[in-house]
Amino acid sequence: MKRRPVSAFSLSFLDIMFCGFGAVVLLVLILNADTVKARNETFADLSSEVIRLEQEVLIGQDDLVIARNSMEAAEQEQVITAGASDRIIETIKVLELQIARMENETQASREHINRLSSDLKTLDAHQQRQGMQATVAPEAGDKVRTFKGEGDRQYLTGLKVGGKRVLILIDVSASMLDETIINVVRRRNMDDASKRKAPKWRRTLATADWLVSNLPATSRFQMYAFNTRARPVLSGSDGKWLLASNRKDIDGAISALHQLIPAAGTSLYQALAVAKKLSPRPDNILLVTDGLPTQGRSKPGSTTVSAAERLQHFETAVRSLSAGIPVNTILLPMEGDAWAAAAYWKLAIDTRGSFMTPARDWP
């Protein structure tokens, strides 16, 4: 069988085709390698970006938690601040009310002091017109009891010790131990013998002695000691009048007074209430004290008392006094009781009595 002849053209065409195909494959391989490399680089870049974004998200979440905690703390602080603000506003309102009340009380006190000053001027003018009543010590035998003062002092007092029925009220509260608060506290803690020797208390006893020594012989008298309560100095004489001409009654009252020891507070209400217990009622009251009372009719709930409260206790006691009875006051001043003199001076004006603050060496 005869072989088929090979055409040179056919071989050349196939070579060309295969070469072209190989070139195309090579080109595809080259291009694909570049594409894969670019894709890998892009993927690496994107992975880094994703990791960075994930880290930012985590940081953002942490910041969000911190921000939420800060916001909750701020809200809680705002609530606390609002509560404190409300309390401060309420406190300010209370303080404003207290300030307003204190201003009103201050104004009332000023007006009261002005009225007292006016009354003092009126009384001073009245005494200047009428003159001071002078009582010169008479010869022995004219008095119900002998009393000898220091030196040649004359008893020019203007004090009205006369009357048919004379009630003598002696303050025996703790403040009668001394003129200053510090010394009162100091002497209050001493023994009874030292208390009886206190200079101010000795003056009080001498004043009481002088009063009974200058009573009219025809009068009747009664002596009561008072602090937080009032009781007769002479035992068994409660509600009874004693004869000024009876030396036994006079000496007994003075002797009993010397046995007392100043103690406790002062209730002028209880002292003046004695006038209502006596029958017939007194026509003259002689009061020996050192200041305004520290309590009223009953024991106070507090252990301290202000000057305004003391003045109120005084006014309440005075209102309870029966009308028409003159009150003659001997004031032995106490430290820190500035209103006492004016108050008792006004009492003298209102009751047609008298008022005096004697020297330390009187009587």
Protein backbone atom coordinates (compact mmCIF):
# COMPACT_ATOMS: atom_id res chain seq x y z
CA MET A 1 0.00 0.00 0.00
CA LYS A 2 1.40 3.24 -0.90
CA ARG A 3 2.14 5.73 2.00
CA ARG A 4 0.34 8.92 1.93
CA PRO A 5 2.62 11.73 1.23
CA VAL A 6 3.30 14.32 3.96
CA SER A 7 2.68 17.90 3.16
CA ALA A 8 5.22 20.38 4.43
CA PHE A 9 2.53 23.02 4.68
CA SER A 10 0.48 20.97 7.09
CA LEU A 11 3.39 20.49 9.46
CA SER A 12 4.24 24.07 9.41
CA PHE A 13 0.68 25.06 10.17
CA LEU A 14 0.50 22.73 13.13
CA ASP A 15 3.79 24.00 14.45
CA ILE A 16 2.51 27.48 14.16
CA MET A 17 -0.73 26.59 15.91
CA PHE A 18 1.01 24.81 18.77
CA CYS A 19 3.50 27.56 19.16
CA GLY A 20 0.74 30.09 19.24
CA PHE A 21 -1.19 28.03 21.73
CA GLY A 22 1.89 27.67 23.88
CA ALA A 23 2.48 31.37 23.71
CA VAL A 24 -1.10 31.99 24.78
CA VAL A 25 -0.76 29.52 27.63
CA LEU A 26 2.49 31.12 28.69
CA LEU A 27 0.89 34.54 28.55
CA VAL A 28 -2.04 33.31 30.59
CA LEU A 29 0.30 31.79 33.13
CA ILE A 30 2.29 35.00 33.38
CA LEU A 31 -0.82 37.15 33.72
CA ASN A 32 -2.42 34.75 36.18
CA ALA A 33 0.71 34.75 38.37
CA ASP A 34 0.66 38.55 38.49
CA THR A 35 -3.06 38.51 39.30
CA VAL A 36 -2.63 35.97 42.11
CA LYS A 37 0.25 37.97 43.54
CA ALA A 38 -1.77 41.18 43.42
CA ARG A 39 -4.76 39.40 44.92
CA ASN A 40 -2.63 37.97 47.75
CA GLU A 41 -1.17 41.39 48.45
CA THR A 42 -4.65 42.92 48.44
CA PHE A 43 -5.93 40.15 50.71
CA ALA A 44 -3.05 40.71 53.11
CA ASP A 45 -3.79 44.42 53.18
CA LEU A 46 -7.47 43.75 53.77
CA SER A 47 -6.68 41.27 56.57
CA SER A 48 -4.51 43.86 58.30
CA GLU A 49 -7.28 46.41 57.95
CA VAL A 50 -9.80 43.94 59.37
CA ILE A 51 -7.52 43.20 62.33
CA ARG A 52 -7.02 46.94 62.90
CA LEU A 53 -10.75 47.57 62.72
CA GLU A 54 -11.41 44.68 65.11
CA GLN A 55 -8.92 46.18 67.57
CA GLU A 56 -10.59 49.56 67.22
CA VAL A 57 -13.96 47.91 67.85
CA LEU A 58 -12.60 46.28 71.02
CA ILE A 59 -11.12 49.59 72.17
CA GLY A 60 -14.40 51.30 71.34
CA GLN A 61 -16.33 48.73 73.37
CA ASP A 62 -13.99 49.30 76.33
CA ASP A 63 -14.42 53.04 75.96
CA LEU A 64 -18.19 52.54 75.74
CA VAL A 65 -18.18 50.59 79.01
CA ILE A 66 -16.09 53.29 80.66
CA ALA A 67 -18.37 55.98 79.27
CA ARG A 68 -21.46 54.14 80.52
CA ASN A 69 -19.92 53.74 83.98
CA SER A 70 -18.97 57.41 83.99
CA MET A 71 -22.48 58.35 82.92
CA GLU A 72 -24.02 56.20 85.66
CA ALA A 73 -21.65 57.72 88.22
CA ALA A 74 -22.50 61.19 86.94
CA GLU A 75 -26.23 60.43 87.14
CA GLN A 76 -25.82 59.08 90.68
CA GLU A 77 -23.78 62.14 91.67
CA GLN A 78 -26.45 64.33 90.11
CA VAL A 79 -29.11 62.61 92.21
CA ILE A 80 -27.00 63.06 95.36
CA THR A 81 -26.29 66.68 94.46
CA ALA A 82 -29.98 67.31 93.81
CA GLY A 83 -30.85 65.82 97.21
CA ALA A 84 -28.16 67.88 98.93
CA SER A 85 -29.36 70.95 97.06
CA ASP A 86 -32.91 70.36 98.27
CA ARG A 87 -31.67 69.97 101.85
CA ILE A 88 -29.58 73.13 101.56
CA ILE A 89 -32.54 75.06 100.18
CA GLU A 90 -34.72 73.75 103.04
CA THR A 91 -32.02 74.69 105.56
CA ILE A 92 -31.77 78.16 104.05
CA LYS A 93 -35.53 78.59 104.37
CA VAL A 94 -35.41 77.46 108.02
CA LEU A 95 -32.51 79.83 108.73
CA GLU A 96 -34.34 82.68 107.03
CA LEU A 97 -37.37 82.03 109.22
CA GLN A 98 -35.15 81.91 112.33
CA ILE A 99 -33.41 85.14 111.31
CA ALA A 100 -36.75 86.82 110.73
CA ARG A 101 -38.01 85.61 114.11
CA MET A 102 -34.82 86.76 115.83
CA GLU A 103 -35.09 90.14 114.12
CA ASN A 104 -38.66 90.43 115.37
CA GLU A 105 -37.58 89.42 118.88
CA THR A 106 -34.70 91.89 118.74
CA GLN A 107 -37.04 94.64 117.64
CA ALA A 108 -39.50 93.73 120.39
CA SER A 109 -36.66 93.73 122.93
CA ARG A 110 -35.54 97.14 121.75
CA GLU A 111 -39.05 98.49 122.04
CA HIS A 112 -39.35 96.95 125.50
CA ILE A 113 -36.05 98.49 126.58
CA ASN A 114 -37.16 101.86 125.21
CA ARG A 115 -40.38 101.61 127.21
CA LEU A 116 -38.44 100.69 130.33
CA SER A 117 -36.07 103.61 129.77
CA SER A 118 -39.04 105.94 129.45
CA ASP A 119 -40.54 104.52 132.65
CA LEU A 120 -37.20 104.95 134.43
CA LYS A 121 -37.08 108.59 133.43
CA THR A 122 -40.66 109.03 134.65
CA LEU A 123 -39.85 107.44 138.00
CA ASP A 124 -36.69 109.51 138.34
CA ALA A 125 -38.65 112.69 137.71
CA HIS A 126 -41.29 111.56 140.19
CA GLN A 127 -38.70 110.92 142.89
CA GLN A 128 -37.02 114.24 142.20
CA ARG A 129 -40.34 115.99 142.76
CA GLN A 130 -41.16 114.17 145.96
CA GLY A 131 -37.62 113.80 147.30
CA MET A 132 -36.07 110.82 148.97
CA GLN A 133 -37.61 109.61 152.18
CA ALA A 134 -34.93 109.82 154.85
CA THR A 135 -35.04 107.56 157.85
CA VAL A 136 -32.43 108.42 160.46
CA ALA A 137 -31.76 105.77 163.09
CA PRO A 138 -33.77 106.84 166.18
CA GLU A 139 -32.74 106.45 169.73
CA ALA A 140 -32.61 102.94 171.18
CA GLY A 141 -36.02 101.67 172.22
CA ASP A 142 -37.96 103.10 169.21
CA LYS A 143 -37.25 100.07 166.98
CA VAL A 144 -38.52 96.53 167.34
CA ARG A 145 -34.94 95.26 167.12
CA THR A 146 -31.50 96.86 167.44
CA PHE A 147 -29.35 96.87 164.31
CA LYS A 148 -25.96 98.50 164.14
CA GLY A 149 -24.40 99.25 160.76
CA GLU A 150 -20.75 99.86 159.96
CA GLY A 151 -19.31 103.24 161.01
CA ASP A 152 -21.61 106.25 160.92
CA ARG A 153 -23.59 105.29 157.79
CA GLN A 154 -27.11 106.73 157.85
CA TYR A 155 -29.97 104.83 156.25
CA LEU A 156 -31.00 107.24 153.51
CA THR A 157 -32.75 104.76 151.23
CA GLY A 158 -36.26 105.88 150.30
CA LEU A 159 -37.31 102.30 151.03
CA LYS A 160 -40.84 101.98 152.35
CA VAL A 161 -40.71 99.50 155.23
CA GLY A 162 -43.94 100.56 156.90
CA GLY A 163 -47.39 99.02 156.72
CA LYS A 164 -49.87 97.12 158.86
CA ARG A 165 -49.00 93.76 157.31
CA VAL A 166 -45.51 93.50 155.81
CA LEU A 167 -44.44 90.46 153.78
CA ILE A 168 -40.66 90.02 153.53
CA LEU A 169 -39.46 87.77 150.69
CA ILE A 170 -35.82 86.65 150.79
CA ASP A 171 -34.22 85.02 147.74
CA VAL A 172 -32.28 81.91 148.83
CA SER A 173 -31.37 80.58 145.38
CA ALA A 174 -27.81 79.47 144.55
CA SER A 175 -27.01 82.78 142.85
CA MET A 176 -27.16 84.51 146.26
CA LEU A 177 -23.76 82.96 146.99
CA ASP A 178 -21.83 85.40 144.80
CA GLU A 179 -22.05 88.18 142.22
CA THR A 180 -20.41 86.26 139.33
CA ILE A 181 -21.53 83.06 137.68
CA ILE A 182 -18.10 81.43 137.96
CA ASN A 183 -17.89 82.07 141.70
CA VAL A 184 -21.47 80.89 142.19
CA VAL A 185 -20.55 77.56 140.60
CA ARG A 186 -17.39 77.38 142.69
CA ARG A 187 -19.12 78.20 145.99
CA ARG A 188 -22.03 75.90 145.20
CA ASN A 189 -19.64 72.95 145.39
CA MET A 190 -18.22 73.98 148.78
CA ASP A 191 -19.33 72.69 152.17
CA ASP A 192 -22.30 74.26 153.99
CA ALA A 193 -20.13 76.23 156.40
CA SER A 194 -18.30 77.92 153.51
CA LYS A 195 -21.61 78.70 151.78
CA ARG A 196 -22.92 80.45 154.90
CA LYS A 197 -19.75 82.58 154.97
CA ALA A 198 -20.15 83.78 151.37
CA PRO A 199 -19.95 87.63 151.37
CA LYS A 200 -23.06 88.11 149.25
CA TRP A 201 -25.10 85.79 151.45
CA ARG A 202 -23.83 87.63 154.55
CA ARG A 203 -25.05 90.88 152.96
CA THR A 204 -28.44 89.27 152.36
CA LEU A 205 -28.71 88.23 156.00
CA ALA A 206 -27.68 91.72 157.14
CA THR A 207 -30.28 93.26 154.81
CA ALA A 208 -33.03 91.03 156.24
CA ASP A 209 -31.89 91.93 159.76
CA TRP A 210 -32.06 95.62 158.89
CA LEU A 211 -35.56 95.28 157.42
CA VAL A 212 -37.11 93.61 160.46
CA SER A 213 -35.27 96.05 162.74
CA ASN A 214 -36.99 98.96 160.99
CA LEU A 215 -40.53 97.56 161.00
CA PRO A 216 -43.10 99.68 162.84
CA ALA A 217 -43.76 98.20 166.29
CA THR A 218 -47.50 98.24 165.58
CA SER A 219 -47.25 96.22 162.38
CA ARG A 220 -47.46 92.52 161.70
CA PHE A 221 -45.01 90.73 159.44
CA GLN A 222 -44.16 87.44 157.82
CA MET A 223 -40.84 86.34 156.30
CA TYR A 224 -40.66 83.78 153.51
CA ALA A 225 -37.56 82.34 151.84
CA PHE A 226 -37.88 81.33 148.20
CA ASN A 227 -35.92 79.64 145.44
CA THR A 228 -37.88 77.20 143.25
CA ARG A 229 -40.55 77.18 145.99
CA ALA A 230 -41.50 79.48 148.84
CA ARG A 231 -41.75 78.51 152.52
CA PRO A 232 -41.92 80.45 155.79
CA VAL A 233 -38.60 81.03 157.50
CA LEU A 234 -40.11 80.43 160.94
CA SER A 235 -41.36 76.86 161.20
CA GLY A 236 -45.07 76.47 161.90
CA SER A 237 -45.99 80.00 160.79
CA ASP A 238 -47.20 79.20 157.27
CA GLY A 239 -50.13 81.47 156.38
CA LYS A 240 -49.96 83.32 159.72
CA TRP A 241 -49.01 86.89 160.57
CA LEU A 242 -46.37 87.48 163.24
CA LEU A 243 -46.23 90.47 165.60
CA ALA A 244 -43.39 92.91 164.97
CA SER A 245 -43.57 93.81 168.65
CA ASN A 246 -42.91 90.18 169.64
CA ARG A 247 -39.16 89.93 170.11
CA LYS A 248 -39.35 86.14 170.08
CA ASP A 249 -40.89 86.09 166.59
CA ILE A 250 -38.38 88.63 165.28
CA ASP A 251 -35.32 86.86 166.68
CA GLY A 252 -36.70 83.45 165.70
CA ALA A 253 -37.20 84.50 162.07
CA ILE A 254 -33.69 85.98 161.79
CA SER A 255 -32.13 82.97 163.52
CA ALA A 256 -33.96 80.55 161.21
CA LEU A 257 -32.87 82.54 158.16
CA HIS A 258 -29.24 82.20 159.24
CA GLN A 259 -29.62 78.41 159.14
CA LEU A 260 -30.64 78.33 155.47
CA ILE A 261 -28.20 77.58 152.65
CA PRO A 262 -28.70 79.13 149.19
CA ALA A 263 -29.46 76.51 146.53
CA ALA A 264 -31.41 75.78 143.32
CA GLY A 265 -33.05 78.23 140.90
CA THR A 266 -35.43 81.16 141.36
CA SER A 267 -39.21 81.29 140.94
CA LEU A 268 -40.61 84.75 141.59
CA TYR A 269 -44.05 83.36 140.76
CA GLN A 270 -43.92 81.08 143.82
CA ALA A 271 -42.68 83.98 145.97
CA LEU A 272 -45.43 86.42 145.00
CA ALA A 273 -48.04 83.67 145.29
CA VAL A 274 -47.49 83.79 149.07
CA ALA A 275 -49.40 87.10 149.17
CA LYS A 276 -52.57 85.22 148.19
CA LYS A 277 -52.11 82.64 150.96
CA LEU A 278 -52.01 85.18 153.78
CA SER A 279 -55.25 86.43 155.30
CA PRO A 280 -55.70 89.31 155.41
CA ARG A 281 -53.44 90.04 152.50
CA PRO A 282 -50.25 92.12 152.94
CA ASP A 283 -50.31 95.85 152.34
CA ASN A 284 -46.55 96.02 151.71
CA ILE A 285 -44.01 93.60 150.22
CA LEU A 286 -40.27 93.84 150.82
CA LEU A 287 -38.34 91.79 148.24
CA VAL A 288 -34.64 90.96 148.52
CA THR A 289 -33.27 89.31 145.36
CA ASP A 290 -30.41 89.49 142.86
CA GLY A 291 -32.06 89.29 139.44
CA LEU A 292 -34.78 87.98 137.19
CA PRO A 293 -36.25 84.52 137.93
CA THR A 294 -34.87 81.44 136.19
CA GLN A 295 -38.18 79.59 136.05
CA GLY A 296 -41.90 80.22 136.18
CA ARG A 297 -44.66 78.44 138.04
CA SER A 298 -43.23 74.96 137.39
CA LYS A 299 -39.85 73.40 136.72
CA PRO A 300 -38.65 74.08 133.15
CA GLY A 301 -37.90 71.27 130.72
CA SER A 302 -34.50 72.72 129.78
CA THR A 303 -31.45 73.24 131.99
CA THR A 304 -30.70 76.59 130.35
CA VAL A 305 -32.76 79.78 130.19
CA SER A 306 -32.29 82.83 127.98
CA ALA A 307 -32.54 86.46 129.06
CA ALA A 308 -35.80 86.83 127.15
CA GLU A 309 -37.28 83.78 128.90
CA ARG A 310 -36.22 85.13 132.31
CA LEU A 311 -37.94 88.42 131.54
CA GLN A 312 -41.05 86.50 130.49
CA HIS A 313 -41.02 84.55 133.79
CA PHE A 314 -40.75 87.88 135.63
CA GLU A 315 -43.70 89.42 133.77
CA THR A 316 -45.82 86.30 134.35
CA ALA A 317 -45.07 86.45 138.08
CA VAL A 318 -45.91 90.16 138.27
CA ARG A 319 -49.23 89.60 136.50
CA SER A 320 -50.17 87.04 139.16
CA LEU A 321 -49.69 89.59 141.96
CA SER A 322 -52.84 91.03 143.50
CA ALA A 323 -53.44 94.66 142.61
CA GLY A 324 -52.85 97.41 145.14
CA ILE A 325 -49.85 95.88 146.95
CA PRO A 326 -46.66 97.97 146.70
CA VAL A 327 -43.47 96.01 146.07
CA ASN A 328 -40.24 97.45 147.46
CA THR A 329 -37.20 95.72 145.98
CA ILE A 330 -33.63 95.57 147.24
CA LEU A 331 -31.55 94.28 144.33
CA LEU A 332 -28.12 92.76 144.90
CA PRO A 333 -27.02 92.68 141.24
CA MET A 334 -25.90 89.49 139.53
CA GLU A 335 -23.44 89.34 136.64
CA GLY A 336 -25.03 88.99 133.20
CA ASP A 337 -28.55 90.07 134.22
CA ALA A 338 -28.74 93.46 132.50
CA TRP A 339 -32.55 93.68 132.40
CA ALA A 340 -33.10 93.04 136.10
CA ALA A 341 -32.66 96.63 137.35
CA ALA A 342 -35.00 98.08 134.72
CA ALA A 343 -37.62 95.37 135.31
CA TYR A 344 -37.72 95.82 139.09
CA TRP A 345 -37.67 99.60 138.75
CA LYS A 346 -40.73 99.37 136.52
CA LEU A 347 -42.33 97.05 139.09
CA ALA A 348 -41.80 99.79 141.69
CA ILE A 349 -43.48 102.31 139.39
CA ASP A 350 -46.46 100.08 138.61
CA THR A 351 -47.09 99.09 142.26
CA ARG A 352 -46.21 102.49 143.82
CA GLY A 353 -43.35 100.87 145.68
CA SER A 354 -39.63 101.61 145.66
CA PHE A 355 -36.42 100.17 144.30
CA MET A 356 -32.82 100.33 145.42
CA THR A 357 -29.47 98.74 144.65
CA PRO A 358 -27.38 99.31 147.78
CA ALA A 359 -23.62 99.63 148.04
CA ARG A 360 -21.61 96.55 148.96
CA ASP A 361 -21.06 97.81 152.53
CA TRP A 362 -24.79 98.51 153.12
CA PRO A 363 -26.42 98.32 155.60
